[in-house]
């Protein structure tokens, strides 16, 4: 198969990539059920933010009346009710993708805004498919691209491929010239696909099996040529 020229690590977001999206529907419901307007700007303001900032932005989205802390608590109550009838599950193709990445010689890590307990609960049985700490909580370092790549794995920004469902992460990846694949949510009221296109994301997929060896090698070749984000 041959080693990659540049890529050394694949970092995969947990909720919305390896696990199903149980955040977009809840944030949408939180806003509209409380009289707020749900727009692309709403998503841009809330998604992939540290929890305390997300809480403040959700409070603003419904016109005040709640503090950021109260909004965050109410959001998690909404989410608990949502997942009671829409369980968290491992996305189709997630384990197969992890096995492919490792077979091709890449190290892998998972990251997200919730504590490691979330990873242990839903992906713990597949912990052997991850390297380093296995999971990095990015709540305090959102979006975490620089920290995961350099601080955790000691790599350069263009040696790690990030797979995420949020355009804000894509924008950070572009600023660092870090390879990126977008897997925007299929949620009917979401704006992430549009926002990713606006951010200049070249590689957009609608399911994990689209991230195959051919795509990975094309991304590696572009990265080696210094054209990761060029049109």
C-alpha atoms as a PDB file:
ATOM      1  CA  UNK A   1       0.000   0.000   0.000  1.00  0.00           C
ATOM      2  CA  UNK A   2       2.851   2.369   0.745  1.00  0.00           C
ATOM      3  CA  UNK A   3       3.167   4.978   3.465  1.00  0.00           C
ATOM      4  CA  UNK A   4       1.606   8.394   3.231  1.00  0.00           C
ATOM      5  CA  UNK A   5       3.876  11.244   2.245  1.00  0.00           C
ATOM      6  CA  UNK A   6       2.570  13.742   4.791  1.00  0.00           C
ATOM      7  CA  UNK A   7      -0.312  12.382   6.825  1.00  0.00           C
ATOM      8  CA  UNK A   8       0.510  10.751  10.149  1.00  0.00           C
ATOM      9  CA  UNK A   9      -2.693  11.129  12.166  1.00  0.00           C
ATOM     10  CA  UNK A  10      -6.446  11.053  11.636  1.00  0.00           C
ATOM     11  CA  UNK A  11      -8.473  12.920  14.266  1.00  0.00           C
ATOM     12  CA  UNK A  12     -12.191  12.183  14.246  1.00  0.00           C
ATOM     13  CA  UNK A  13     -14.908  14.104  16.030  1.00  0.00           C
ATOM     14  CA  UNK A  14     -17.100  11.981  18.241  1.00  0.00           C
ATOM     15  CA  UNK A  15     -20.679  13.323  17.999  1.00  0.00           C
ATOM     16  CA  UNK A  16     -21.818  13.684  14.417  1.00  0.00           C
ATOM     17  CA  UNK A  17     -18.912  11.703  12.954  1.00  0.00           C
ATOM     18  CA  UNK A  18     -18.248   8.501  14.872  1.00  0.00           C
ATOM     19  CA  UNK A  19     -21.570   8.743  16.712  1.00  0.00           C
ATOM     20  CA  UNK A  20     -24.892   9.961  15.348  1.00  0.00           C
ATOM     21  CA  UNK A  21     -25.809  13.638  15.572  1.00  0.00           C
ATOM     22  CA  UNK A  22     -27.796  14.156  18.771  1.00  0.00           C
ATOM     23  CA  UNK A  23     -26.907  17.836  19.106  1.00  0.00           C
ATOM     24  CA  UNK A  24     -28.279  19.667  16.039  1.00  0.00           C
ATOM     25  CA  UNK A  25     -31.903  18.548  16.615  1.00  0.00           C
ATOM     26  CA  UNK A  26     -31.739  19.451  20.297  1.00  0.00           C
ATOM     27  CA  UNK A  27     -30.216  22.898  19.748  1.00  0.00           C
ATOM     28  CA  UNK A  28     -32.801  23.607  17.050  1.00  0.00           C
ATOM     29  CA  UNK A  29     -35.626  22.526  19.366  1.00  0.00           C
ATOM     30  CA  UNK A  30     -34.181  24.504  22.266  1.00  0.00           C
ATOM     31  CA  UNK A  31     -34.217  27.695  20.203  1.00  0.00           C
ATOM     32  CA  UNK A  32     -37.508  27.426  18.272  1.00  0.00           C
ATOM     33  CA  UNK A  33     -39.527  25.979  21.176  1.00  0.00           C
ATOM     34  CA  UNK A  34     -38.609  29.058  23.199  1.00  0.00           C
ATOM     35  CA  UNK A  35     -39.548  31.526  20.496  1.00  0.00           C
ATOM     36  CA  UNK A  36     -36.143  32.096  18.939  1.00  0.00           C
ATOM     37  CA  UNK A  37     -35.251  32.182  15.245  1.00  0.00           C
ATOM     38  CA  UNK A  38     -32.955  29.399  14.070  1.00  0.00           C
ATOM     39  CA  UNK A  39     -30.562  30.590  11.349  1.00  0.00           C
ATOM     40  CA  UNK A  40     -27.123  29.864   9.963  1.00  0.00           C
ATOM     41  CA  UNK A  41     -25.818  32.569  12.296  1.00  0.00           C
ATOM     42  CA  UNK A  42     -27.382  30.691  15.212  1.00  0.00           C
ATOM     43  CA  UNK A  43     -25.446  27.562  14.329  1.00  0.00           C
ATOM     44  CA  UNK A  44     -22.249  29.497  13.702  1.00  0.00           C
ATOM     45  CA  UNK A  45     -22.528  31.134  17.121  1.00  0.00           C
ATOM     46  CA  UNK A  46     -23.267  27.957  19.105  1.00  0.00           C
ATOM     47  CA  UNK A  47     -21.699  24.933  17.447  1.00  0.00           C
ATOM     48  CA  UNK A  48     -18.263  23.721  18.620  1.00  0.00           C
ATOM     49  CA  UNK A  49     -17.958  26.378  21.277  1.00  0.00           C
ATOM     50  CA  UNK A  50     -16.870  25.790  24.870  1.00  0.00           C
ATOM     51  CA  UNK A  51     -19.950  24.912  26.884  1.00  0.00           C
ATOM     52  CA  UNK A  52     -20.077  28.184  28.821  1.00  0.00           C
ATOM     53  CA  UNK A  53     -20.001  30.184  25.583  1.00  0.00           C
ATOM     54  CA  UNK A  54     -22.558  27.917  23.920  1.00  0.00           C
ATOM     55  CA  UNK A  55     -24.850  28.472  26.901  1.00  0.00           C
ATOM     56  CA  UNK A  56     -24.531  32.230  26.579  1.00  0.00           C
ATOM     57  CA  UNK A  57     -25.198  32.085  22.840  1.00  0.00           C
ATOM     58  CA  UNK A  58     -28.255  29.864  23.308  1.00  0.00           C
ATOM     59  CA  UNK A  59     -29.604  32.325  25.881  1.00  0.00           C
ATOM     60  CA  UNK A  60     -29.080  35.151  23.393  1.00  0.00           C
ATOM     61  CA  UNK A  61     -30.776  33.157  20.629  1.00  0.00           C
ATOM     62  CA  UNK A  62     -34.024  33.026  22.617  1.00  0.00           C
ATOM     63  CA  UNK A  63     -33.917  36.723  23.474  1.00  0.00           C
ATOM     64  CA  UNK A  64     -32.677  36.511  27.027  1.00  0.00           C
ATOM     65  CA  UNK A  65     -34.669  35.454  30.051  1.00  0.00           C
ATOM     66  CA  UNK A  66     -32.088  32.832  30.967  1.00  0.00           C
ATOM     67  CA  UNK A  67     -28.487  33.147  32.004  1.00  0.00           C
ATOM     68  CA  UNK A  68     -25.934  31.215  30.000  1.00  0.00           C
ATOM     69  CA  UNK A  69     -25.662  28.690  32.813  1.00  0.00           C
ATOM     70  CA  UNK A  70     -29.435  28.263  32.959  1.00  0.00           C
ATOM     71  CA  UNK A  71     -29.664  27.884  29.188  1.00  0.00           C
ATOM     72  CA  UNK A  72     -26.958  25.219  29.209  1.00  0.00           C
ATOM     73  CA  UNK A  73     -28.713  23.291  31.983  1.00  0.00           C
ATOM     74  CA  UNK A  74     -32.018  23.503  30.103  1.00  0.00           C
ATOM     75  CA  UNK A  75     -30.321  22.360  26.915  1.00  0.00           C
ATOM     76  CA  UNK A  76     -28.895  19.235  28.571  1.00  0.00           C
ATOM     77  CA  UNK A  77     -32.324  18.479  30.034  1.00  0.00           C
ATOM     78  CA  UNK A  78     -33.749  18.729  26.515  1.00  0.00           C
ATOM     79  CA  UNK A  79     -31.002  16.471  25.230  1.00  0.00           C
ATOM     80  CA  UNK A  80     -31.647  13.840  27.901  1.00  0.00           C
ATOM     81  CA  UNK A  81     -35.280  13.699  26.784  1.00  0.00           C
ATOM     82  CA  UNK A  82     -34.254  13.531  23.123  1.00  0.00           C
ATOM     83  CA  UNK A  83     -31.795  10.650  23.493  1.00  0.00           C
ATOM     84  CA  UNK A  84     -34.355   8.694  25.516  1.00  0.00           C
ATOM     85  CA  UNK A  85     -36.258   8.212  22.250  1.00  0.00           C
ATOM     86  CA  UNK A  86     -33.362   8.768  19.801  1.00  0.00           C
ATOM     87  CA  UNK A  87     -30.502   6.744  21.306  1.00  0.00           C
ATOM     88  CA  UNK A  88     -26.844   7.526  20.758  1.00  0.00           C
ATOM     89  CA  UNK A  89     -25.373   4.919  18.409  1.00  0.00           C
ATOM     90  CA  UNK A  90     -22.114   4.316  16.586  1.00  0.00           C
ATOM     91  CA  UNK A  91     -22.488   5.553  13.022  1.00  0.00           C
ATOM     92  CA  UNK A  92     -22.538   3.036  10.211  1.00  0.00           C
ATOM     93  CA  UNK A  93     -19.052   2.653   8.800  1.00  0.00           C
ATOM     94  CA  UNK A  94     -17.279   4.181  11.809  1.00  0.00           C
ATOM     95  CA  UNK A  95     -15.462   1.051  12.950  1.00  0.00           C
ATOM     96  CA  UNK A  96     -14.603   0.087   9.386  1.00  0.00           C
ATOM     97  CA  UNK A  97     -13.097   3.549   8.798  1.00  0.00           C
ATOM     98  CA  UNK A  98     -10.995   3.301  11.947  1.00  0.00           C
ATOM     99  CA  UNK A  99      -9.694  -0.082  10.847  1.00  0.00           C
ATOM    100  CA  UNK A 100      -8.880   1.291   7.396  1.00  0.00           C
ATOM    101  CA  UNK A 101      -6.976   4.245   8.828  1.00  0.00           C
ATOM    102  CA  UNK A 102      -4.878   2.008  11.024  1.00  0.00           C
ATOM    103  CA  UNK A 103      -4.314  -0.503   8.236  1.00  0.00           C
ATOM    104  CA  UNK A 104      -2.944   2.340   6.128  1.00  0.00           C
ATOM    105  CA  UNK A 105      -0.524   3.283   8.890  1.00  0.00           C
ATOM    106  CA  UNK A 106      -2.204   6.339  10.354  1.00  0.00           C
ATOM    107  CA  UNK A 107      -2.556   6.916  14.057  1.00  0.00           C
ATOM    108  CA  UNK A 108      -6.087   7.743  15.149  1.00  0.00           C
ATOM    109  CA  UNK A 109      -7.652   9.798  17.923  1.00  0.00           C
ATOM    110  CA  UNK A 110     -11.175  10.840  18.838  1.00  0.00           C
ATOM    111  CA  UNK A 111     -12.123  14.254  20.197  1.00  0.00           C
ATOM    112  CA  UNK A 112     -15.183  16.202  21.304  1.00  0.00           C
ATOM    113  CA  UNK A 113     -16.621  18.634  23.803  1.00  0.00           C
ATOM    114  CA  UNK A 114     -17.959  16.172  26.373  1.00  0.00           C
ATOM    115  CA  UNK A 115     -15.929  14.377  29.017  1.00  0.00           C
ATOM    116  CA  UNK A 116     -14.109  11.118  28.364  1.00  0.00           C
ATOM    117  CA  UNK A 117     -16.971   9.248  30.055  1.00  0.00           C
ATOM    118  CA  UNK A 118     -18.969   9.862  26.889  1.00  0.00           C
ATOM    119  CA  UNK A 119     -16.258   8.227  24.786  1.00  0.00           C
ATOM    120  CA  UNK A 120     -15.885   5.328  27.221  1.00  0.00           C
ATOM    121  CA  UNK A 121     -19.608   4.657  27.221  1.00  0.00           C
ATOM    122  CA  UNK A 122     -20.182   4.577  23.495  1.00  0.00           C
ATOM    123  CA  UNK A 123     -16.783   3.791  21.967  1.00  0.00           C
ATOM    124  CA  UNK A 124     -14.968   2.096  24.829  1.00  0.00           C
ATOM    125  CA  UNK A 125     -15.300  -1.339  23.249  1.00  0.00           C
ATOM    126  CA  UNK A 126     -13.335   0.000  20.278  1.00  0.00           C
ATOM    127  CA  UNK A 127     -10.647   1.746  22.342  1.00  0.00           C
ATOM    128  CA  UNK A 128      -7.972  -0.472  20.804  1.00  0.00           C
ATOM    129  CA  UNK A 129      -8.553   1.309  17.476  1.00  0.00           C
ATOM    130  CA  UNK A 130      -7.289   4.624  18.881  1.00  0.00           C
ATOM    131  CA  UNK A 131      -3.822   5.891  19.729  1.00  0.00           C
ATOM    132  CA  UNK A 132      -2.320   8.216  22.326  1.00  0.00           C
ATOM    133  CA  UNK A 133      -4.915   9.208  24.909  1.00  0.00           C
ATOM    134  CA  UNK A 134      -7.620   7.698  22.696  1.00  0.00           C
ATOM    135  CA  UNK A 135      -9.930  10.619  23.360  1.00  0.00           C
ATOM    136  CA  UNK A 136      -9.230  14.337  23.822  1.00  0.00           C
ATOM    137  CA  UNK A 137     -11.855  16.535  25.478  1.00  0.00           C
ATOM    138  CA  UNK A 138     -11.726  19.842  23.619  1.00  0.00           C
ATOM    139  CA  UNK A 139     -14.207  21.822  25.715  1.00  0.00           C
ATOM    140  CA  UNK A 140     -11.479  24.122  27.049  1.00  0.00           C
ATOM    141  CA  UNK A 141      -9.498  24.302  23.792  1.00  0.00           C
ATOM    142  CA  UNK A 142     -12.187  24.534  21.100  1.00  0.00           C
ATOM    143  CA  UNK A 143     -11.792  23.654  18.334  1.00  0.00           C
ATOM    144  CA  UNK A 144      -8.542  21.946  19.433  1.00  0.00           C
ATOM    145  CA  UNK A 145      -6.821  21.363  16.114  1.00  0.00           C
ATOM    146  CA  UNK A 146      -3.551  22.992  17.140  1.00  0.00           C
ATOM    147  CA  UNK A 147      -3.511  21.370  20.563  1.00  0.00           C
ATOM    148  CA  UNK A 148      -4.322  17.842  19.381  1.00  0.00           C
ATOM    149  CA  UNK A 149      -1.831  17.969  16.542  1.00  0.00           C
ATOM    150  CA  UNK A 150       1.113  19.656  18.214  1.00  0.00           C
ATOM    151  CA  UNK A 151       0.704  19.258  21.969  1.00  0.00           C
ATOM    152  CA  UNK A 152      -0.772  15.756  22.122  1.00  0.00           C
ATOM    153  CA  UNK A 153       0.944  14.104  19.143  1.00  0.00           C
ATOM    154  CA  UNK A 154       3.945  16.345  18.482  1.00  0.00           C
ATOM    155  CA  UNK A 155       3.112  16.748  14.797  1.00  0.00           C
ATOM    156  CA  UNK A 156       2.971  19.634  12.356  1.00  0.00           C
ATOM    157  CA  UNK A 157      -0.386  21.085  11.417  1.00  0.00           C
ATOM    158  CA  UNK A 158      -0.330  19.547   7.940  1.00  0.00           C
ATOM    159  CA  UNK A 159       0.442  16.048   9.235  1.00  0.00           C
ATOM    160  CA  UNK A 160      -3.017  15.505  10.749  1.00  0.00           C
ATOM    161  CA  UNK A 161      -6.329  14.998   8.975  1.00  0.00           C
ATOM    162  CA  UNK A 162      -9.430  16.162  10.829  1.00  0.00           C
ATOM    163  CA  UNK A 163     -12.916  14.824  10.148  1.00  0.00           C
ATOM    164  CA  UNK A 164     -15.698  16.947  11.621  1.00  0.00           C
ATOM    165  CA  UNK A 165     -19.335  17.900  11.120  1.00  0.00           C
ATOM    166  CA  UNK A 166     -18.985  21.593  11.997  1.00  0.00           C
ATOM    167  CA  UNK A 167     -17.863  24.389   9.687  1.00  0.00           C
ATOM    168  CA  UNK A 168     -16.218  26.329  12.504  1.00  0.00           C
ATOM    169  CA  UNK A 169     -13.702  23.510  12.826  1.00  0.00           C
ATOM    170  CA  UNK A 170     -13.141  23.608   9.082  1.00  0.00           C
ATOM    171  CA  UNK A 171     -12.397  27.328   9.279  1.00  0.00           C
ATOM    172  CA  UNK A 172      -9.799  26.682  11.979  1.00  0.00           C
ATOM    173  CA  UNK A 173      -8.292  23.873   9.916  1.00  0.00           C
ATOM    174  CA  UNK A 174      -7.986  26.143   6.910  1.00  0.00           C
ATOM    175  CA  UNK A 175      -6.267  28.836   8.987  1.00  0.00           C
ATOM    176  CA  UNK A 176      -3.661  26.253  10.030  1.00  0.00           C
ATOM    177  CA  UNK A 177      -3.456  24.603   6.578  1.00  0.00           C
ATOM    178  CA  UNK A 178      -4.612  21.357   8.169  1.00  0.00           C
ATOM    179  CA  UNK A 179      -6.265  18.714   5.935  1.00  0.00           C
ATOM    180  CA  UNK A 180      -9.996  18.390   6.567  1.00  0.00           C
ATOM    181  CA  UNK A 181     -12.955  16.266   5.553  1.00  0.00           C
ATOM    182  CA  UNK A 182     -16.435  17.564   6.294  1.00  0.00           C
ATOM    183  CA  UNK A 183     -19.306  15.281   7.239  1.00  0.00           C
ATOM    184  CA  UNK A 184     -22.134  17.796   7.754  1.00  0.00           C
ATOM    185  CA  UNK A 185     -25.262  16.595   9.484  1.00  0.00           C
ATOM    186  CA  UNK A 186     -28.242  15.578   7.387  1.00  0.00           C
ATOM    187  CA  UNK A 187     -30.521  17.339   9.897  1.00  0.00           C
ATOM    188  CA  UNK A 188     -33.234  19.020   7.841  1.00  0.00           C
ATOM    189  CA  UNK A 189     -32.948  22.417   9.532  1.00  0.00           C
ATOM    190  CA  UNK A 190     -29.145  22.509   9.619  1.00  0.00           C
ATOM    191  CA  UNK A 191     -26.785  24.846   7.791  1.00  0.00           C
ATOM    192  CA  UNK A 192     -23.432  23.122   8.175  1.00  0.00           C
ATOM    193  CA  UNK A 193     -23.116  21.888   4.585  1.00  0.00           C
ATOM    194  CA  UNK A 194     -23.656  25.408   3.288  1.00  0.00           C
ATOM    195  CA  UNK A 195     -21.286  26.891   5.854  1.00  0.00           C
ATOM    196  CA  UNK A 196     -18.617  24.334   4.972  1.00  0.00           C
ATOM    197  CA  UNK A 197     -18.868  25.222   1.307  1.00  0.00           C
ATOM    198  CA  UNK A 198     -18.543  28.881   2.231  1.00  0.00           C
ATOM    199  CA  UNK A 199     -15.464  27.968   4.288  1.00  0.00           C
ATOM    200  CA  UNK A 200     -13.892  26.414   1.191  1.00  0.00           C
ATOM    201  CA  UNK A 201     -14.037  22.770   2.269  1.00  0.00           C
ATOM    202  CA  UNK A 202     -12.937  20.677  -0.719  1.00  0.00           C
ATOM    203  CA  UNK A 203     -13.850  17.262   0.632  1.00  0.00           C
ATOM    204  CA  UNK A 204     -17.474  16.900   1.735  1.00  0.00           C
ATOM    205  CA  UNK A 205     -18.956  13.450   2.333  1.00  0.00           C
ATOM    206  CA  UNK A 206     -22.421  12.295   3.318  1.00  0.00           C
ATOM    207  CA  UNK A 207     -21.376   9.057   4.955  1.00  0.00           C
ATOM    208  CA  UNK A 208     -18.229   7.547   6.406  1.00  0.00           C
ATOM    209  CA  UNK A 209     -17.579   4.939   3.736  1.00  0.00           C
ATOM    210  CA  UNK A 210     -16.936   7.808   1.322  1.00  0.00           C
ATOM    211  CA  UNK A 211     -13.666   8.311   3.185  1.00  0.00           C
ATOM    212  CA  UNK A 212     -11.825   5.521   1.405  1.00  0.00           C
ATOM    213  CA  UNK A 213      -8.201   4.856   0.570  1.00  0.00           C
ATOM    214  CA  UNK A 214      -8.446   6.736  -2.712  1.00  0.00           C
ATOM    215  CA  UNK A 215      -9.709   9.908  -1.015  1.00  0.00           C
ATOM    216  CA  UNK A 216      -7.104   9.648   1.740  1.00  0.00           C
ATOM    217  CA  UNK A 217      -4.281   9.312  -0.758  1.00  0.00           C
ATOM    218  CA  UNK A 218      -5.585  12.231  -2.811  1.00  0.00           C
ATOM    219  CA  UNK A 219      -5.677  14.371   0.320  1.00  0.00           C
ATOM    220  CA  UNK A 220      -2.152  13.248   1.211  1.00  0.00           C
ATOM    221  CA  UNK A 221      -0.896  14.119  -2.269  1.00  0.00           C
ATOM    222  CA  UNK A 222      -2.467  17.563  -2.156  1.00  0.00           C
ATOM    223  CA  UNK A 223      -1.030  18.153   1.291  1.00  0.00           C
ATOM    224  CA  UNK A 224       2.435  17.090   0.182  1.00  0.00           C
ATOM    225  CA  UNK A 225       2.142  19.478  -2.769  1.00  0.00           C
ATOM    226  CA  UNK A 226       1.112  22.324  -0.461  1.00  0.00           C
ATOM    227  CA  UNK A 227      -2.306  22.675  -2.099  1.00  0.00           C
ATOM    228  CA  UNK A 228      -4.502  21.345   0.709  1.00  0.00           C
ATOM    229  CA  UNK A 229      -6.926  24.257   0.641  1.00  0.00           C
ATOM    230  CA  UNK A 230      -6.304  25.706  -2.792  1.00  0.00           C
ATOM    231  CA  UNK A 231      -9.128  25.846  -5.302  1.00  0.00           C
END
